[in-house]
Full PDB file with SEQRES, HELIX, SHEET, SSBOND, CRYST1, ORIGX, SCALE, CONECT and MASTER records, all heavy atoms in Angstrom:
SEQRES   1 A   43  ALA GLN GLN THR ILE ASP ALA ALA LEU GLU SER PRO ALA          
SEQRES   2 A   43  ARG LYS THR LYS GLY SER LEU ALA GLN VAL HIS TYR LYS          
SEQRES   3 A   43  ALA GLY ILE SER LEU LEU GLU LEU SER ASP HIS ARG GLY          
SEQRES   4 A   43  ALA GLU GLU HIS                                              
HELIX    1 AA1 GLN A    2  LEU A    9  1                                   8    
HELIX    2 AA2 PRO A   12  LYS A   15  5                                   4    
HELIX    3 AA3 LYS A   17  GLU A   33  1                                  17    
HELIX    4 AA4 HIS A   37  GLU A   42  1                                   6    
CRYST1    1.000    1.000    1.000  90.00  90.00  90.00 P 1           1          
ORIGX1      1.000000  0.000000  0.000000        0.00000                         
ORIGX2      0.000000  1.000000  0.000000        0.00000                         
ORIGX3      0.000000  0.000000  1.000000        0.00000                         
SCALE1      1.000000  0.000000  0.000000        0.00000                         
SCALE2      0.000000  1.000000  0.000000        0.00000                         
SCALE3      0.000000  0.000000  1.000000        0.00000                         
ATOM      1  N   ALA A   1      -0.607 -10.802  -2.656  1.00  0.00           N  
ATOM      2  CA  ALA A   1      -0.635  -9.360  -2.854  1.00  0.00           C  
ATOM      3  C   ALA A   1      -0.599  -8.677  -1.472  1.00  0.00           C  
ATOM      4  O   ALA A   1       0.185  -7.700  -1.278  1.00  0.00           O  
ATOM      5  CB  ALA A   1      -1.852  -8.953  -3.625  1.00  0.00           C  
ATOM      6  N   GLN A   2      -1.363  -9.199  -0.543  1.00  0.00           N  
ATOM      7  CA  GLN A   2      -1.386  -8.545   0.818  1.00  0.00           C  
ATOM      8  C   GLN A   2      -0.080  -8.718   1.504  1.00  0.00           C  
ATOM      9  O   GLN A   2       0.438  -7.786   2.207  1.00  0.00           O  
ATOM     10  CB  GLN A   2      -2.527  -9.158   1.665  1.00  0.00           C  
ATOM     11  CG  GLN A   2      -2.703  -8.492   3.012  1.00  0.00           C  
ATOM     12  CD  GLN A   2      -3.046  -7.058   2.940  1.00  0.00           C  
ATOM     13  OE1 GLN A   2      -4.030  -6.636   2.384  1.00  0.00           O  
ATOM     14  NE2 GLN A   2      -2.084  -6.171   3.407  1.00  0.00           N  
ATOM     15  N   GLN A   3       0.537  -9.891   1.350  1.00  0.00           N  
ATOM     16  CA  GLN A   3       1.885 -10.145   1.988  1.00  0.00           C  
ATOM     17  C   GLN A   3       2.903  -9.204   1.396  1.00  0.00           C  
ATOM     18  O   GLN A   3       3.745  -8.676   2.114  1.00  0.00           O  
ATOM     19  CB  GLN A   3       2.273 -11.590   1.753  1.00  0.00           C  
ATOM     20  CG  GLN A   3       1.437 -12.604   2.530  1.00  0.00           C  
ATOM     21  CD  GLN A   3       1.753 -13.996   2.152  1.00  0.00           C  
ATOM     22  OE1 GLN A   3       2.355 -14.299   1.086  1.00  0.00           O  
ATOM     23  NE2 GLN A   3       1.309 -14.987   2.976  1.00  0.00           N  
ATOM     24  N   THR A   4       2.812  -8.951   0.084  1.00  0.00           N  
ATOM     25  CA  THR A   4       3.772  -8.045  -0.567  1.00  0.00           C  
ATOM     26  C   THR A   4       3.566  -6.600  -0.145  1.00  0.00           C  
ATOM     27  O   THR A   4       4.521  -5.835   0.009  1.00  0.00           O  
ATOM     28  CB  THR A   4       3.683  -8.198  -2.098  1.00  0.00           C  
ATOM     29  OG1 THR A   4       3.805  -9.560  -2.449  1.00  0.00           O  
ATOM     30  CG2 THR A   4       4.743  -7.385  -2.768  1.00  0.00           C  
ATOM     31  N   ILE A   5       2.291  -6.189   0.054  1.00  0.00           N  
ATOM     32  CA  ILE A   5       2.002  -4.850   0.590  1.00  0.00           C  
ATOM     33  C   ILE A   5       2.619  -4.705   1.958  1.00  0.00           C  
ATOM     34  O   ILE A   5       3.261  -3.685   2.250  1.00  0.00           O  
ATOM     35  CB  ILE A   5       0.488  -4.616   0.651  1.00  0.00           C  
ATOM     36  CG1 ILE A   5      -0.112  -4.496  -0.724  1.00  0.00           C  
ATOM     37  CG2 ILE A   5       0.128  -3.392   1.478  1.00  0.00           C  
ATOM     38  CD1 ILE A   5      -1.645  -4.481  -0.758  1.00  0.00           C  
ATOM     39  N   ASP A   6       2.434  -5.702   2.808  1.00  0.00           N  
ATOM     40  CA  ASP A   6       3.012  -5.627   4.165  1.00  0.00           C  
ATOM     41  C   ASP A   6       4.523  -5.514   4.111  1.00  0.00           C  
ATOM     42  O   ASP A   6       5.127  -4.729   4.863  1.00  0.00           O  
ATOM     43  CB  ASP A   6       2.633  -6.848   4.942  1.00  0.00           C  
ATOM     44  CG  ASP A   6       1.113  -6.935   5.210  1.00  0.00           C  
ATOM     45  OD1 ASP A   6       0.441  -5.935   5.114  1.00  0.00           O  
ATOM     46  OD2 ASP A   6       0.645  -8.099   5.498  1.00  0.00           O  
ATOM     47  N   ALA A   7       5.180  -6.246   3.209  1.00  0.00           N  
ATOM     48  CA  ALA A   7       6.617  -6.180   3.096  1.00  0.00           C  
ATOM     49  C   ALA A   7       7.057  -4.855   2.577  1.00  0.00           C  
ATOM     50  O   ALA A   7       8.088  -4.321   2.996  1.00  0.00           O  
ATOM     51  CB  ALA A   7       7.115  -7.291   2.148  1.00  0.00           C  
ATOM     52  N   ALA A   8       6.299  -4.237   1.654  1.00  0.00           N  
ATOM     53  CA  ALA A   8       6.626  -2.926   1.096  1.00  0.00           C  
ATOM     54  C   ALA A   8       6.540  -1.867   2.219  1.00  0.00           C  
ATOM     55  O   ALA A   8       7.422  -0.933   2.265  1.00  0.00           O  
ATOM     56  CB  ALA A   8       5.691  -2.572  -0.048  1.00  0.00           C  
ATOM     57  N   LEU A   9       5.577  -2.005   3.074  1.00  0.00           N  
ATOM     58  CA  LEU A   9       5.376  -1.020   4.145  1.00  0.00           C  
ATOM     59  C   LEU A   9       6.495  -1.159   5.184  1.00  0.00           C  
ATOM     60  O   LEU A   9       6.750  -0.245   5.985  1.00  0.00           O  
ATOM     61  CB  LEU A   9       4.008  -1.191   4.806  1.00  0.00           C  
ATOM     62  CG  LEU A   9       2.843  -0.766   3.965  1.00  0.00           C  
ATOM     63  CD1 LEU A   9       1.535  -1.139   4.554  1.00  0.00           C  
ATOM     64  CD2 LEU A   9       2.905   0.768   3.720  1.00  0.00           C  
ATOM     65  N   GLU A  10       7.101  -2.347   5.292  1.00  0.00           N  
ATOM     66  CA  GLU A  10       8.142  -2.582   6.210  1.00  0.00           C  
ATOM     67  C   GLU A  10       9.539  -2.225   5.662  1.00  0.00           C  
ATOM     68  O   GLU A  10      10.581  -2.233   6.333  1.00  0.00           O  
ATOM     69  CB  GLU A  10       8.216  -4.012   6.714  1.00  0.00           C  
ATOM     70  CG  GLU A  10       7.051  -4.381   7.615  1.00  0.00           C  
ATOM     71  CD  GLU A  10       7.028  -3.592   8.888  1.00  0.00           C  
ATOM     72  OE1 GLU A  10       8.150  -3.393   9.496  1.00  0.00           O  
ATOM     73  OE2 GLU A  10       5.983  -3.046   9.310  1.00  0.00           O  
ATOM     74  N   SER A  11       9.573  -1.905   4.374  1.00  0.00           N  
ATOM     75  CA  SER A  11      10.827  -1.588   3.717  1.00  0.00           C  
ATOM     76  C   SER A  11      11.300  -0.178   4.053  1.00  0.00           C  
ATOM     77  O   SER A  11      10.564   0.569   4.723  1.00  0.00           O  
ATOM     78  CB  SER A  11      10.663  -1.660   2.210  1.00  0.00           C  
ATOM     79  OG  SER A  11       9.901  -0.527   1.704  1.00  0.00           O  
ATOM     80  N   PRO A  12      12.525   0.219   3.681  1.00  0.00           N  
ATOM     81  CA  PRO A  12      13.032   1.586   3.916  1.00  0.00           C  
ATOM     82  C   PRO A  12      12.163   2.635   3.344  1.00  0.00           C  
ATOM     83  O   PRO A  12      12.335   3.839   3.630  1.00  0.00           O  
ATOM     84  CB  PRO A  12      14.433   1.574   3.341  1.00  0.00           C  
ATOM     85  CG  PRO A  12      14.851   0.122   3.429  1.00  0.00           C  
ATOM     86  CD  PRO A  12      13.630  -0.628   3.147  1.00  0.00           C  
ATOM     87  N   ALA A  13      11.217   2.322   2.480  1.00  0.00           N  
ATOM     88  CA  ALA A  13      10.283   3.298   1.869  1.00  0.00           C  
ATOM     89  C   ALA A  13       9.506   4.103   2.974  1.00  0.00           C  
ATOM     90  O   ALA A  13       9.185   5.242   2.761  1.00  0.00           O  
ATOM     91  CB  ALA A  13       9.301   2.644   0.944  1.00  0.00           C  
ATOM     92  N   ARG A  14       9.338   3.445   4.106  1.00  0.00           N  
ATOM     93  CA  ARG A  14       8.587   4.094   5.147  1.00  0.00           C  
ATOM     94  C   ARG A  14       9.274   5.315   5.738  1.00  0.00           C  
ATOM     95  O   ARG A  14       8.676   6.110   6.468  1.00  0.00           O  
ATOM     96  CB  ARG A  14       8.236   3.077   6.288  1.00  0.00           C  
ATOM     97  CG  ARG A  14       9.460   2.663   7.091  1.00  0.00           C  
ATOM     98  CD  ARG A  14       9.059   1.567   8.118  1.00  0.00           C  
ATOM     99  NE  ARG A  14      10.191   1.259   8.983  1.00  0.00           N  
ATOM    100  CZ  ARG A  14      11.123   0.322   8.699  1.00  0.00           C  
ATOM    101  NH1 ARG A  14      11.114  -0.277   7.546  1.00  0.00           N  
ATOM    102  NH2 ARG A  14      12.077   0.090   9.562  1.00  0.00           N  
ATOM    103  N   LYS A  15      10.578   5.451   5.461  1.00  0.00           N  
ATOM    104  CA  LYS A  15      11.358   6.571   5.997  1.00  0.00           C  
ATOM    105  C   LYS A  15      11.317   7.831   5.051  1.00  0.00           C  
ATOM    106  O   LYS A  15      11.858   8.896   5.442  1.00  0.00           O  
ATOM    107  CB  LYS A  15      12.790   6.156   6.173  1.00  0.00           C  
ATOM    108  CG  LYS A  15      12.989   4.988   7.151  1.00  0.00           C  
ATOM    109  CD  LYS A  15      14.448   4.549   7.254  1.00  0.00           C  
ATOM    110  CE  LYS A  15      14.611   3.392   8.210  1.00  0.00           C  
ATOM    111  NZ  LYS A  15      16.007   2.936   8.281  1.00  0.00           N  
ATOM    112  N   THR A  16      10.743   7.643   3.828  1.00  0.00           N  
ATOM    113  CA  THR A  16      10.701   8.753   2.881  1.00  0.00           C  
ATOM    114  C   THR A  16       9.316   9.051   2.532  1.00  0.00           C  
ATOM    115  O   THR A  16       8.553   8.159   2.116  1.00  0.00           O  
ATOM    116  CB  THR A  16      11.521   8.401   1.639  1.00  0.00           C  
ATOM    117  OG1 THR A  16      12.817   7.977   2.004  1.00  0.00           O  
ATOM    118  CG2 THR A  16      11.613   9.570   0.691  1.00  0.00           C  
ATOM    119  N   LYS A  17       8.871  10.356   2.634  1.00  0.00           N  
ATOM    120  CA  LYS A  17       7.477  10.678   2.409  1.00  0.00           C  
ATOM    121  C   LYS A  17       6.914  10.281   0.979  1.00  0.00           C  
ATOM    122  O   LYS A  17       5.918   9.638   0.924  1.00  0.00           O  
ATOM    123  CB  LYS A  17       7.278  12.191   2.606  1.00  0.00           C  
ATOM    124  CG  LYS A  17       7.400  12.694   3.992  1.00  0.00           C  
ATOM    125  CD  LYS A  17       6.903  14.147   4.070  1.00  0.00           C  
ATOM    126  CE  LYS A  17       7.643  15.093   3.189  1.00  0.00           C  
ATOM    127  NZ  LYS A  17       7.154  16.484   3.313  1.00  0.00           N  
ATOM    128  N   GLY A  18       7.712  10.630  -0.008  1.00  0.00           N  
ATOM    129  CA  GLY A  18       7.253  10.302  -1.380  1.00  0.00           C  
ATOM    130  C   GLY A  18       7.136   8.867  -1.634  1.00  0.00           C  
ATOM    131  O   GLY A  18       6.142   8.363  -2.180  1.00  0.00           O  
ATOM    132  N   SER A  19       8.176   8.082  -1.162  1.00  0.00           N  
ATOM    133  CA  SER A  19       8.188   6.657  -1.379  1.00  0.00           C  
ATOM    134  C   SER A  19       7.048   5.962  -0.602  1.00  0.00           C  
ATOM    135  O   SER A  19       6.391   5.049  -1.132  1.00  0.00           O  
ATOM    136  CB  SER A  19       9.510   6.077  -0.976  1.00  0.00           C  
ATOM    137  OG  SER A  19      10.556   6.567  -1.818  1.00  0.00           O  
ATOM    138  N   LEU A  20       6.788   6.447   0.634  1.00  0.00           N  
ATOM    139  CA  LEU A  20       5.738   5.850   1.438  1.00  0.00           C  
ATOM    140  C   LEU A  20       4.411   6.162   0.813  1.00  0.00           C  
ATOM    141  O   LEU A  20       3.537   5.302   0.799  1.00  0.00           O  
ATOM    142  CB  LEU A  20       5.843   6.371   2.847  1.00  0.00           C  
ATOM    143  CG  LEU A  20       4.807   5.790   3.864  1.00  0.00           C  
ATOM    144  CD1 LEU A  20       4.821   4.259   3.875  1.00  0.00           C  
ATOM    145  CD2 LEU A  20       5.008   6.414   5.206  1.00  0.00           C  
ATOM    146  N   ALA A  21       4.206   7.374   0.383  1.00  0.00           N  
ATOM    147  CA  ALA A  21       2.923   7.690  -0.311  1.00  0.00           C  
ATOM    148  C   ALA A  21       2.718   6.860  -1.532  1.00  0.00           C  
ATOM    149  O   ALA A  21       1.576   6.424  -1.867  1.00  0.00           O  
ATOM    150  CB  ALA A  21       2.886   9.179  -0.649  1.00  0.00           C  
ATOM    151  N   GLN A  22       3.790   6.579  -2.281  1.00  0.00           N  
ATOM    152  CA  GLN A  22       3.665   5.716  -3.469  1.00  0.00           C  
ATOM    153  C   GLN A  22       3.235   4.313  -3.101  1.00  0.00           C  
ATOM    154  O   GLN A  22       2.399   3.709  -3.772  1.00  0.00           O  
ATOM    155  CB  GLN A  22       4.996   5.687  -4.252  1.00  0.00           C  
ATOM    156  CG  GLN A  22       4.965   4.836  -5.501  1.00  0.00           C  
ATOM    157  CD  GLN A  22       6.252   4.856  -6.312  1.00  0.00           C  
ATOM    158  OE1 GLN A  22       6.378   4.103  -7.262  1.00  0.00           O  
ATOM    159  NE2 GLN A  22       7.229   5.662  -5.924  1.00  0.00           N  
ATOM    160  N   VAL A  23       3.857   3.787  -1.985  1.00  0.00           N  
ATOM    161  CA  VAL A  23       3.485   2.487  -1.535  1.00  0.00           C  
ATOM    162  C   VAL A  23       1.985   2.480  -1.183  1.00  0.00           C  
ATOM    163  O   VAL A  23       1.247   1.505  -1.547  1.00  0.00           O  
ATOM    164  CB  VAL A  23       4.317   2.043  -0.354  1.00  0.00           C  
ATOM    165  CG1 VAL A  23       3.768   0.762   0.270  1.00  0.00           C  
ATOM    166  CG2 VAL A  23       5.785   1.815  -0.788  1.00  0.00           C  
ATOM    167  N   HIS A  24       1.490   3.435  -0.462  1.00  0.00           N  
ATOM    168  CA  HIS A  24       0.098   3.490  -0.062  1.00  0.00           C  
ATOM    169  C   HIS A  24      -0.836   3.626  -1.256  1.00  0.00           C  
ATOM    170  O   HIS A  24      -1.885   2.925  -1.346  1.00  0.00           O  
ATOM    171  CB  HIS A  24      -0.165   4.621   0.889  1.00  0.00           C  
ATOM    172  CG  HIS A  24       0.259   4.355   2.299  1.00  0.00           C  
ATOM    173  ND1 HIS A  24      -0.217   3.254   3.017  1.00  0.00           N  
ATOM    174  CD2 HIS A  24       1.101   5.047   3.134  1.00  0.00           C  
ATOM    175  CE1 HIS A  24       0.306   3.291   4.245  1.00  0.00           C  
ATOM    176  NE2 HIS A  24       1.106   4.341   4.291  1.00  0.00           N  
ATOM    177  N   TYR A  25      -0.416   4.391  -2.253  1.00  0.00           N  
ATOM    178  CA  TYR A  25      -1.222   4.513  -3.471  1.00  0.00           C  
ATOM    179  C   TYR A  25      -1.396   3.215  -4.187  1.00  0.00           C  
ATOM    180  O   TYR A  25      -2.517   2.756  -4.500  1.00  0.00           O  
ATOM    181  CB  TYR A  25      -0.646   5.580  -4.397  1.00  0.00           C  
ATOM    182  CG  TYR A  25      -1.333   5.662  -5.762  1.00  0.00           C  
ATOM    183  CD1 TYR A  25      -2.515   6.369  -5.854  1.00  0.00           C  
ATOM    184  CD2 TYR A  25      -0.857   5.026  -6.872  1.00  0.00           C  
ATOM    185  CE1 TYR A  25      -3.192   6.504  -7.087  1.00  0.00           C  
ATOM    186  CE2 TYR A  25      -1.502   5.083  -8.085  1.00  0.00           C  
ATOM    187  CZ  TYR A  25      -2.708   5.824  -8.206  1.00  0.00           C  
ATOM    188  OH  TYR A  25      -3.382   5.867  -9.439  1.00  0.00           O  
ATOM    189  N   LYS A  26      -0.261   2.496  -4.358  1.00  0.00           N  
ATOM    190  CA  LYS A  26      -0.293   1.222  -5.159  1.00  0.00           C  
ATOM    191  C   LYS A  26      -0.963   0.169  -4.311  1.00  0.00           C  
ATOM    192  O   LYS A  26      -1.569  -0.767  -4.824  1.00  0.00           O  
ATOM    193  CB  LYS A  26       1.061   0.858  -5.571  1.00  0.00           C  
ATOM    194  CG  LYS A  26       1.608   1.810  -6.640  1.00  0.00           C  
ATOM    195  CD  LYS A  26       3.025   1.496  -7.085  1.00  0.00           C  
ATOM    196  CE  LYS A  26       3.504   2.476  -8.174  1.00  0.00           C  
ATOM    197  NZ  LYS A  26       4.885   2.245  -8.592  1.00  0.00           N  
ATOM    198  N   ALA A  27      -0.821   0.275  -2.988  1.00  0.00           N  
ATOM    199  CA  ALA A  27      -1.508  -0.688  -2.092  1.00  0.00           C  
ATOM    200  C   ALA A  27      -3.041  -0.462  -2.249  1.00  0.00           C  
ATOM    201  O   ALA A  27      -3.801  -1.438  -2.273  1.00  0.00           O  
ATOM    202  CB  ALA A  27      -1.097  -0.462  -0.675  1.00  0.00           C  
ATOM    203  N   GLY A  28      -3.451   0.777  -2.303  1.00  0.00           N  
ATOM    204  CA  GLY A  28      -4.876   1.063  -2.487  1.00  0.00           C  
ATOM    205  C   GLY A  28      -5.377   0.521  -3.821  1.00  0.00           C  
ATOM    206  O   GLY A  28      -6.450  -0.086  -3.851  1.00  0.00           O  
ATOM    207  N   ILE A  29      -4.628   0.748  -4.859  1.00  0.00           N  
ATOM    208  CA  ILE A  29      -5.053   0.211  -6.171  1.00  0.00           C  
ATOM    209  C   ILE A  29      -5.115  -1.339  -6.131  1.00  0.00           C  
ATOM    210  O   ILE A  29      -5.985  -1.938  -6.707  1.00  0.00           O  
ATOM    211  CB  ILE A  29      -4.059   0.672  -7.300  1.00  0.00           C  
ATOM    212  CG1 ILE A  29      -4.068   2.174  -7.397  1.00  0.00           C  
ATOM    213  CG2 ILE A  29      -4.392   0.018  -8.596  1.00  0.00           C  
ATOM    214  CD1 ILE A  29      -5.356   2.750  -7.859  1.00  0.00           C  
ATOM    215  N   SER A  30      -4.140  -1.930  -5.467  1.00  0.00           N  
ATOM    216  CA  SER A  30      -4.093  -3.375  -5.358  1.00  0.00           C  
ATOM    217  C   SER A  30      -5.365  -3.937  -4.643  1.00  0.00           C  
ATOM    218  O   SER A  30      -6.000  -4.885  -5.115  1.00  0.00           O  
ATOM    219  CB  SER A  30      -2.879  -3.836  -4.522  1.00  0.00           C  
ATOM    220  OG  SER A  30      -1.654  -3.406  -5.151  1.00  0.00           O  
ATOM    221  N   LEU A  31      -5.757  -3.257  -3.582  1.00  0.00           N  
ATOM    222  CA  LEU A  31      -6.969  -3.687  -2.839  1.00  0.00           C  
ATOM    223  C   LEU A  31      -8.250  -3.468  -3.649  1.00  0.00           C  
ATOM    224  O   LEU A  31      -9.211  -4.165  -3.506  1.00  0.00           O  
ATOM    225  CB  LEU A  31      -7.023  -3.013  -1.465  1.00  0.00           C  
ATOM    226  CG  LEU A  31      -5.851  -3.448  -0.536  1.00  0.00           C  
ATOM    227  CD1 LEU A  31      -5.985  -2.727   0.806  1.00  0.00           C  
ATOM    228  CD2 LEU A  31      -5.789  -4.912  -0.344  1.00  0.00           C  
ATOM    229  N   LEU A  32      -8.237  -2.354  -4.436  1.00  0.00           N  
ATOM    230  CA  LEU A  32      -9.401  -2.169  -5.324  1.00  0.00           C  
ATOM    231  C   LEU A  32      -9.515  -3.344  -6.321  1.00  0.00           C  
ATOM    232  O   LEU A  32     -10.611  -3.790  -6.626  1.00  0.00           O  
ATOM    233  CB  LEU A  32      -9.278  -0.890  -6.112  1.00  0.00           C  
ATOM    234  CG  LEU A  32      -9.519   0.434  -5.267  1.00  0.00           C  
ATOM    235  CD1 LEU A  32      -9.407   1.636  -6.211  1.00  0.00           C  
ATOM    236  CD2 LEU A  32     -10.866   0.399  -4.626  1.00  0.00           C  
ATOM    237  N   GLU A  33      -8.391  -3.840  -6.811  1.00  0.00           N  
ATOM    238  CA  GLU A  33      -8.375  -4.986  -7.696  1.00  0.00           C  
ATOM    239  C   GLU A  33      -9.048  -6.198  -7.002  1.00  0.00           C  
ATOM    240  O   GLU A  33      -9.674  -7.015  -7.683  1.00  0.00           O  
ATOM    241  CB  GLU A  33      -6.981  -5.381  -8.130  1.00  0.00           C  
ATOM    242  CG  GLU A  33      -6.267  -4.384  -9.072  1.00  0.00           C  
ATOM    243  CD  GLU A  33      -6.690  -4.570 -10.512  1.00  0.00           C  
ATOM    244  OE1 GLU A  33      -7.535  -5.449 -10.792  1.00  0.00           O  
ATOM    245  OE2 GLU A  33      -6.161  -3.864 -11.362  1.00  0.00           O  
ATOM    246  N   LEU A  34      -8.878  -6.260  -5.659  1.00  0.00           N  
ATOM    247  CA  LEU A  34      -9.395  -7.400  -4.892  1.00  0.00           C  
ATOM    248  C   LEU A  34     -10.759  -7.089  -4.263  1.00  0.00           C  
ATOM    249  O   LEU A  34     -11.283  -7.841  -3.427  1.00  0.00           O  
ATOM    250  CB  LEU A  34      -8.343  -7.764  -3.777  1.00  0.00           C  
ATOM    251  CG  LEU A  34      -6.983  -8.188  -4.326  1.00  0.00           C  
ATOM    252  CD1 LEU A  34      -6.051  -8.294  -3.140  1.00  0.00           C  
ATOM    253  CD2 LEU A  34      -7.065  -9.471  -5.081  1.00  0.00           C  
ATOM    254  N   SER A  35     -11.376  -5.877  -4.668  1.00  0.00           N  
ATOM    255  CA  SER A  35     -12.651  -5.483  -4.159  1.00  0.00           C  
ATOM    256  C   SER A  35     -12.701  -5.206  -2.685  1.00  0.00           C  
ATOM    257  O   SER A  35     -13.747  -5.284  -2.065  1.00  0.00           O  
ATOM    258  CB  SER A  35     -13.696  -6.551  -4.570  1.00  0.00           C  
ATOM    259  OG  SER A  35     -13.831  -6.694  -5.932  1.00  0.00           O  
ATOM    260  N   ASP A  36     -11.508  -4.879  -2.143  1.00  0.00           N  
ATOM    261  CA  ASP A  36     -11.462  -4.500  -0.695  1.00  0.00           C  
ATOM    262  C   ASP A  36     -11.510  -2.987  -0.637  1.00  0.00           C  
ATOM    263  O   ASP A  36     -10.473  -2.317  -0.516  1.00  0.00           O  
ATOM    264  CB  ASP A  36     -10.171  -5.041  -0.089  1.00  0.00           C  
ATOM    265  CG  ASP A  36     -10.077  -4.710   1.413  1.00  0.00           C  
ATOM    266  OD1 ASP A  36     -10.988  -4.007   1.939  1.00  0.00           O  
ATOM    267  OD2 ASP A  36      -9.095  -5.140   2.066  1.00  0.00           O  
ATOM    268  N   HIS A  37     -12.694  -2.441  -0.763  1.00  0.00           N  
ATOM    269  CA  HIS A  37     -12.811  -0.961  -0.863  1.00  0.00           C  
ATOM    270  C   HIS A  37     -12.477  -0.236   0.441  1.00  0.00           C  
ATOM    271  O   HIS A  37     -11.870   0.861   0.439  1.00  0.00           O  
ATOM    272  CB  HIS A  37     -14.246  -0.573  -1.293  1.00  0.00           C  
ATOM    273  CG  HIS A  37     -14.656  -1.181  -2.599  1.00  0.00           C  
ATOM    274  ND1 HIS A  37     -14.179  -0.642  -3.782  1.00  0.00           N  
ATOM    275  CD2 HIS A  37     -15.415  -2.272  -2.886  1.00  0.00           C  
ATOM    276  CE1 HIS A  37     -14.667  -1.374  -4.804  1.00  0.00           C  
ATOM    277  NE2 HIS A  37     -15.431  -2.350  -4.296  1.00  0.00           N  
ATOM    278  N   ARG A  38     -12.800  -0.840   1.595  1.00  0.00           N  
ATOM    279  CA  ARG A  38     -12.483  -0.210   2.858  1.00  0.00           C  
ATOM    280  C   ARG A  38     -10.959  -0.177   3.064  1.00  0.00           C  
ATOM    281  O   ARG A  38     -10.375   0.868   3.458  1.00  0.00           O  
ATOM    282  CB  ARG A  38     -13.152  -0.927   4.032  1.00  0.00           C  
ATOM    283  CG  ARG A  38     -12.834  -0.357   5.411  1.00  0.00           C  
ATOM    284  CD  ARG A  38     -13.635  -1.028   6.478  1.00  0.00           C  
ATOM    285  NE  ARG A  38     -15.058  -0.753   6.283  1.00  0.00           N  
ATOM    286  CZ  ARG A  38     -16.023  -1.211   7.129  1.00  0.00           C  
ATOM    287  NH1 ARG A  38     -15.647  -1.954   8.151  1.00  0.00           N  
ATOM    288  NH2 ARG A  38     -17.262  -0.933   6.890  1.00  0.00           N  
ATOM    289  N   GLY A  39     -10.282  -1.285   2.796  1.00  0.00           N  
ATOM    290  CA  GLY A  39      -8.827  -1.242   2.918  1.00  0.00           C  
ATOM    291  C   GLY A  39      -8.168  -0.329   1.983  1.00  0.00           C  
ATOM    292  O   GLY A  39      -7.203   0.355   2.328  1.00  0.00           O  
ATOM    293  N   ALA A  40      -8.666  -0.214   0.741  1.00  0.00           N  
ATOM    294  CA  ALA A  40      -8.141   0.697  -0.243  1.00  0.00           C  
ATOM    295  C   ALA A  40      -8.279   2.142   0.235  1.00  0.00           C  
ATOM    296  O   ALA A  40      -7.348   2.920   0.101  1.00  0.00           O  
ATOM    297  CB  ALA A  40      -8.872   0.469  -1.607  1.00  0.00           C  
ATOM    298  N   GLU A  41      -9.459   2.462   0.788  1.00  0.00           N  
ATOM    299  CA  GLU A  41      -9.695   3.813   1.256  1.00  0.00           C  
ATOM    300  C   GLU A  41      -8.700   4.166   2.345  1.00  0.00           C  
ATOM    301  O   GLU A  41      -8.176   5.319   2.418  1.00  0.00           O  
ATOM    302  CB  GLU A  41     -11.112   3.985   1.755  1.00  0.00           C  
ATOM    303  CG  GLU A  41     -11.449   5.401   2.199  1.00  0.00           C  
ATOM    304  CD  GLU A  41     -12.904   5.532   2.583  1.00  0.00           C  
ATOM    305  OE1 GLU A  41     -13.628   4.535   2.619  1.00  0.00           O  
ATOM    306  OE2 GLU A  41     -13.313   6.698   2.838  1.00  0.00           O  
ATOM    307  N   GLU A  42      -8.383   3.208   3.207  1.00  0.00           N  
ATOM    308  CA  GLU A  42      -7.443   3.519   4.316  1.00  0.00           C  
ATOM    309  C   GLU A  42      -6.037   3.834   3.748  1.00  0.00           C  
ATOM    310  O   GLU A  42      -5.391   4.754   4.212  1.00  0.00           O  
ATOM    311  CB  GLU A  42      -7.380   2.305   5.254  1.00  0.00           C  
ATOM    312  CG  GLU A  42      -8.637   2.056   6.086  1.00  0.00           C  
ATOM    313  CD  GLU A  42      -8.535   0.806   6.880  1.00  0.00           C  
ATOM    314  OE1 GLU A  42      -7.451   0.122   6.864  1.00  0.00           O  
ATOM    315  OE2 GLU A  42      -9.491   0.491   7.602  1.00  0.00           O  
ATOM    316  N   HIS A  43      -5.608   3.109   2.721  1.00  0.00           N  
ATOM    317  CA  HIS A  43      -4.327   3.360   2.177  1.00  0.00           C  
ATOM    318  C   HIS A  43      -4.270   4.667   1.441  1.00  0.00           C  
ATOM    319  O   HIS A  43      -3.298   5.452   1.503  1.00  0.00           O  
ATOM    320  CB  HIS A  43      -3.923   2.232   1.167  1.00  0.00           C  
ATOM    321  CG  HIS A  43      -3.346   1.027   1.909  1.00  0.00           C  
ATOM    322  ND1 HIS A  43      -2.121   1.049   2.548  1.00  0.00           N  
ATOM    323  CD2 HIS A  43      -3.863  -0.247   2.138  1.00  0.00           C  
ATOM    324  CE1 HIS A  43      -1.912  -0.161   3.072  1.00  0.00           C  
ATOM    325  NE2 HIS A  43      -2.957  -0.955   2.797  1.00  0.00           N  
TER     326      HIS A  43                                                      
MASTER        0    0    0    4    0    0    0    6  325    1    0    4          
END                                                                             
C-alpha cells in the first residue's frame, strides 16, 4: 500500500490540483486502515 501511494504521488497526478488532492485523500484513508494516524494526518 505504501509503495503504491509513493507511485501515485510520482504520477502525472501531481501536476493537477484536483487529482493530487484526491491522491492525498485516498493515501490518508489508506494509512488510517493501517493505523498510521500521523501519516494520514499529513496527507
